[in-house]
Amino acid sequence: MCIFTGPGVSVSGTHIFGRVAEQEQFLVYQMAFGATSDVPMVLRFIDLSTYPKFFEGLDLMFPQDLAISGSVELEP
C-alpha cells in the first residue's frame, strides 16, 4: 500500500506485475502521478504470511461465472 501525504494528488493508470523466481520476489509498479506541490510517498509493506489464501479470498468477491445474454451496442 502507498499513501501520498499532501493535497492536489492525482494517481491513475496503475499497473502491477509480480513474480517469484526461486528465492527472490520481484514487484514492478507503474502509475501516472501528478501533484500541485512536492509530496512524499509512503510505502507500507504488510506481512500476509498468516493469510496464505489472501488472493483466493479476493477471487470470491469477483465471480467469473456470470452469464451475459443478448447484445450490447456501444456508441462510438
N, C-alpha and C. Protein backbone atom coordinates (compact mmCIF):
# COMPACT_ATOMS: atom_id res chain seq x y z
N MET A 1 0.84 -1.17 0.00
CA MET A 1 0.00 0.00 0.00
C MET A 1 0.89 1.23 0.00
N CYS A 2 0.47 2.26 -0.72
CA CYS A 2 1.21 3.52 -0.66
C CYS A 2 0.24 4.66 -0.37
N ILE A 3 0.76 5.66 0.27
CA ILE A 3 -0.03 6.83 0.66
C ILE A 3 0.75 8.06 0.25
N PHE A 4 0.07 9.02 -0.38
CA PHE A 4 0.68 10.31 -0.67
C PHE A 4 0.18 11.30 0.37
N THR A 5 1.11 11.96 1.03
CA THR A 5 0.74 12.85 2.13
C THR A 5 0.80 14.30 1.67
N GLY A 6 -0.28 14.74 1.06
CA GLY A 6 -0.33 16.12 0.62
C GLY A 6 -1.56 16.37 -0.24
N PRO A 7 -1.86 17.64 -0.50
CA PRO A 7 -3.04 18.00 -1.29
C PRO A 7 -2.75 17.95 -2.79
N GLY A 8 -3.82 17.92 -3.58
CA GLY A 8 -3.71 18.03 -5.02
C GLY A 8 -2.99 16.89 -5.70
N VAL A 9 -3.22 15.65 -5.24
CA VAL A 9 -2.54 14.48 -5.80
C VAL A 9 -3.49 13.75 -6.74
N SER A 10 -2.97 13.32 -7.90
CA SER A 10 -3.74 12.54 -8.86
C SER A 10 -2.92 11.30 -9.24
N VAL A 11 -3.54 10.13 -9.10
CA VAL A 11 -2.89 8.86 -9.47
C VAL A 11 -3.82 8.12 -10.40
N SER A 12 -3.29 7.64 -11.54
CA SER A 12 -4.10 6.86 -12.49
C SER A 12 -3.19 5.91 -13.26
N GLY A 13 -3.82 5.06 -14.08
CA GLY A 13 -3.05 4.16 -14.94
C GLY A 13 -2.13 3.22 -14.18
N THR A 14 -2.61 2.68 -13.07
CA THR A 14 -1.77 1.81 -12.24
C THR A 14 -1.63 0.42 -12.87
N HIS A 15 -0.40 -0.08 -12.94
CA HIS A 15 -0.10 -1.43 -13.39
C HIS A 15 0.84 -2.07 -12.37
N ILE A 16 0.54 -3.32 -12.01
CA ILE A 16 1.37 -4.04 -11.06
C ILE A 16 1.72 -5.41 -11.63
N PHE A 17 2.99 -5.77 -11.56
CA PHE A 17 3.46 -7.08 -12.01
C PHE A 17 4.29 -7.69 -10.89
N GLY A 18 4.00 -8.92 -10.54
CA GLY A 18 4.78 -9.61 -9.52
C GLY A 18 5.18 -10.99 -9.99
N ARG A 19 6.34 -11.45 -9.54
CA ARG A 19 6.84 -12.76 -9.95
C ARG A 19 7.75 -13.31 -8.85
N VAL A 20 7.68 -14.59 -8.62
CA VAL A 20 8.59 -15.28 -7.71
C VAL A 20 9.52 -16.14 -8.55
N ALA A 21 10.82 -16.00 -8.34
CA ALA A 21 11.82 -16.80 -9.04
C ALA A 21 12.79 -17.35 -8.00
N GLU A 22 12.69 -18.65 -7.78
CA GLU A 22 13.50 -19.32 -6.76
C GLU A 22 13.29 -18.64 -5.40
N GLN A 23 14.31 -18.03 -4.83
CA GLN A 23 14.19 -17.42 -3.51
C GLN A 23 13.99 -15.90 -3.57
N GLU A 24 13.73 -15.37 -4.76
CA GLU A 24 13.56 -13.93 -4.90
C GLU A 24 12.15 -13.59 -5.36
N GLN A 25 11.68 -12.43 -4.94
CA GLN A 25 10.40 -11.92 -5.38
C GLN A 25 10.63 -10.61 -6.11
N PHE A 26 9.90 -10.42 -7.20
CA PHE A 26 10.02 -9.20 -7.98
C PHE A 26 8.66 -8.51 -8.04
N LEU A 27 8.65 -7.21 -7.87
CA LEU A 27 7.43 -6.44 -7.96
C LEU A 27 7.72 -5.18 -8.76
N VAL A 28 6.94 -4.96 -9.82
CA VAL A 28 7.08 -3.77 -10.65
C VAL A 28 5.78 -3.01 -10.57
N TYR A 29 5.87 -1.71 -10.30
CA TYR A 29 4.69 -0.87 -10.10
C TYR A 29 4.83 0.36 -11.00
N GLN A 30 3.81 0.61 -11.81
CA GLN A 30 3.81 1.77 -12.69
C GLN A 30 2.53 2.55 -12.47
N MET A 31 2.66 3.89 -12.49
CA MET A 31 1.47 4.73 -12.35
C MET A 31 1.73 6.08 -13.00
N ALA A 32 0.65 6.75 -13.35
CA ALA A 32 0.74 8.15 -13.77
C ALA A 32 0.45 8.98 -12.52
N PHE A 33 1.30 9.95 -12.25
CA PHE A 33 1.21 10.71 -11.00
C PHE A 33 1.30 12.21 -11.29
N GLY A 34 0.48 12.95 -10.59
CA GLY A 34 0.55 14.40 -10.67
C GLY A 34 0.26 15.00 -9.31
N ALA A 35 0.87 16.14 -9.01
CA ALA A 35 0.63 16.81 -7.74
C ALA A 35 0.84 18.31 -7.93
N THR A 36 0.12 19.09 -7.15
CA THR A 36 0.25 20.54 -7.23
C THR A 36 1.45 21.06 -6.46
N SER A 37 2.06 20.19 -5.65
CA SER A 37 3.26 20.57 -4.89
C SER A 37 4.05 19.29 -4.60
N ASP A 38 5.26 19.43 -4.06
CA ASP A 38 6.04 18.26 -3.66
C ASP A 38 5.34 17.54 -2.52
N VAL A 39 5.15 16.23 -2.69
CA VAL A 39 4.52 15.42 -1.65
C VAL A 39 5.31 14.13 -1.49
N PRO A 40 5.47 13.64 -0.27
CA PRO A 40 6.16 12.35 -0.08
C PRO A 40 5.23 11.18 -0.33
N MET A 41 5.78 10.08 -0.81
CA MET A 41 5.05 8.84 -0.97
C MET A 41 5.52 7.89 0.12
N VAL A 42 4.60 7.38 0.91
CA VAL A 42 4.92 6.47 2.00
C VAL A 42 4.49 5.07 1.58
N LEU A 43 5.44 4.14 1.57
CA LEU A 43 5.14 2.75 1.25
C LEU A 43 5.04 1.94 2.53
N ARG A 44 4.06 1.05 2.57
CA ARG A 44 3.90 0.20 3.74
C ARG A 44 3.80 -1.24 3.27
N PHE A 45 4.67 -2.08 3.77
CA PHE A 45 4.66 -3.49 3.44
C PHE A 45 4.00 -4.25 4.59
N ILE A 46 3.08 -5.11 4.25
CA ILE A 46 2.32 -5.86 5.25
C ILE A 46 2.62 -7.35 5.08
N ASP A 47 2.99 -8.01 6.15
CA ASP A 47 3.27 -9.44 6.14
C ASP A 47 1.95 -10.21 6.14
N LEU A 48 1.64 -10.87 5.04
CA LEU A 48 0.40 -11.64 4.94
C LEU A 48 0.66 -13.15 5.05
N SER A 49 1.79 -13.52 5.64
CA SER A 49 2.11 -14.95 5.75
C SER A 49 1.09 -15.71 6.60
N THR A 50 0.38 -15.03 7.48
CA THR A 50 -0.65 -15.70 8.29
C THR A 50 -1.97 -15.84 7.51
N TYR A 51 -2.03 -15.29 6.32
CA TYR A 51 -3.22 -15.40 5.46
C TYR A 51 -2.77 -15.90 4.07
N PRO A 52 -2.35 -17.17 3.99
CA PRO A 52 -1.81 -17.68 2.73
C PRO A 52 -2.84 -17.74 1.59
N LYS A 53 -4.12 -17.68 1.90
CA LYS A 53 -5.16 -17.74 0.86
C LYS A 53 -5.76 -16.36 0.60
N PHE A 54 -4.96 -15.33 0.73
CA PHE A 54 -5.42 -13.96 0.53
C PHE A 54 -6.05 -13.77 -0.85
N PHE A 55 -5.36 -14.19 -1.91
CA PHE A 55 -5.87 -13.98 -3.25
C PHE A 55 -7.08 -14.86 -3.56
N GLU A 56 -7.15 -16.05 -2.97
CA GLU A 56 -8.34 -16.87 -3.13
C GLU A 56 -9.55 -16.16 -2.52
N GLY A 57 -9.35 -15.49 -1.38
CA GLY A 57 -10.42 -14.71 -0.78
C GLY A 57 -10.86 -13.56 -1.66
N LEU A 58 -9.91 -12.91 -2.30
CA LEU A 58 -10.26 -11.83 -3.22
C LEU A 58 -11.05 -12.35 -4.42
N ASP A 59 -10.66 -13.51 -4.93
CA ASP A 59 -11.36 -14.10 -6.07
C ASP A 59 -12.83 -14.36 -5.76
N LEU A 60 -13.14 -14.69 -4.52
CA LEU A 60 -14.54 -14.95 -4.14
C LEU A 60 -15.41 -13.70 -4.29
N MET A 61 -14.81 -12.53 -4.23
CA MET A 61 -15.57 -11.30 -4.34
C MET A 61 -15.84 -10.90 -5.79
N PHE A 62 -15.22 -11.60 -6.74
CA PHE A 62 -15.38 -11.29 -8.16
C PHE A 62 -15.70 -12.56 -8.93
N PRO A 63 -16.96 -13.03 -8.87
CA PRO A 63 -17.31 -14.28 -9.54
C PRO A 63 -17.09 -14.17 -11.05
N GLN A 64 -16.54 -15.23 -11.64
CA GLN A 64 -16.23 -15.25 -13.06
C GLN A 64 -17.31 -15.95 -13.88
N ASP A 65 -18.27 -16.59 -13.23
CA ASP A 65 -19.23 -17.40 -13.97
C ASP A 65 -20.55 -16.67 -14.24
N LEU A 66 -20.53 -15.36 -14.33
CA LEU A 66 -21.73 -14.61 -14.63
C LEU A 66 -22.05 -14.74 -16.13
N ALA A 67 -23.27 -15.12 -16.44
CA ALA A 67 -23.67 -15.26 -17.83
C ALA A 67 -24.27 -13.94 -18.32
N ILE A 68 -23.89 -13.55 -19.51
CA ILE A 68 -24.43 -12.33 -20.11
C ILE A 68 -25.15 -12.75 -21.38
N SER A 69 -26.43 -12.39 -21.48
CA SER A 69 -27.18 -12.75 -22.67
C SER A 69 -27.58 -11.47 -23.42
N GLY A 70 -27.91 -11.65 -24.69
CA GLY A 70 -28.29 -10.52 -25.52
C GLY A 70 -27.07 -9.84 -26.10
N SER A 71 -27.30 -8.70 -26.72
CA SER A 71 -26.21 -7.97 -27.32
C SER A 71 -26.18 -6.55 -26.78
N VAL A 72 -25.02 -5.97 -26.81
CA VAL A 72 -24.83 -4.61 -26.31
C VAL A 72 -24.22 -3.80 -27.44
N GLU A 73 -24.81 -2.66 -27.73
CA GLU A 73 -24.27 -1.78 -28.74
C GLU A 73 -23.62 -0.59 -28.07
N LEU A 74 -22.37 -0.36 -28.40
CA LEU A 74 -21.63 0.78 -27.83
C LEU A 74 -21.59 1.91 -28.83
N GLU A 75 -21.81 3.11 -28.35
CA GLU A 75 -21.72 4.28 -29.22
C GLU A 75 -20.25 4.63 -29.47
N PRO A 76 -19.93 5.07 -30.69
CA PRO A 76 -18.53 5.42 -30.97
C PRO A 76 -18.09 6.67 -30.24
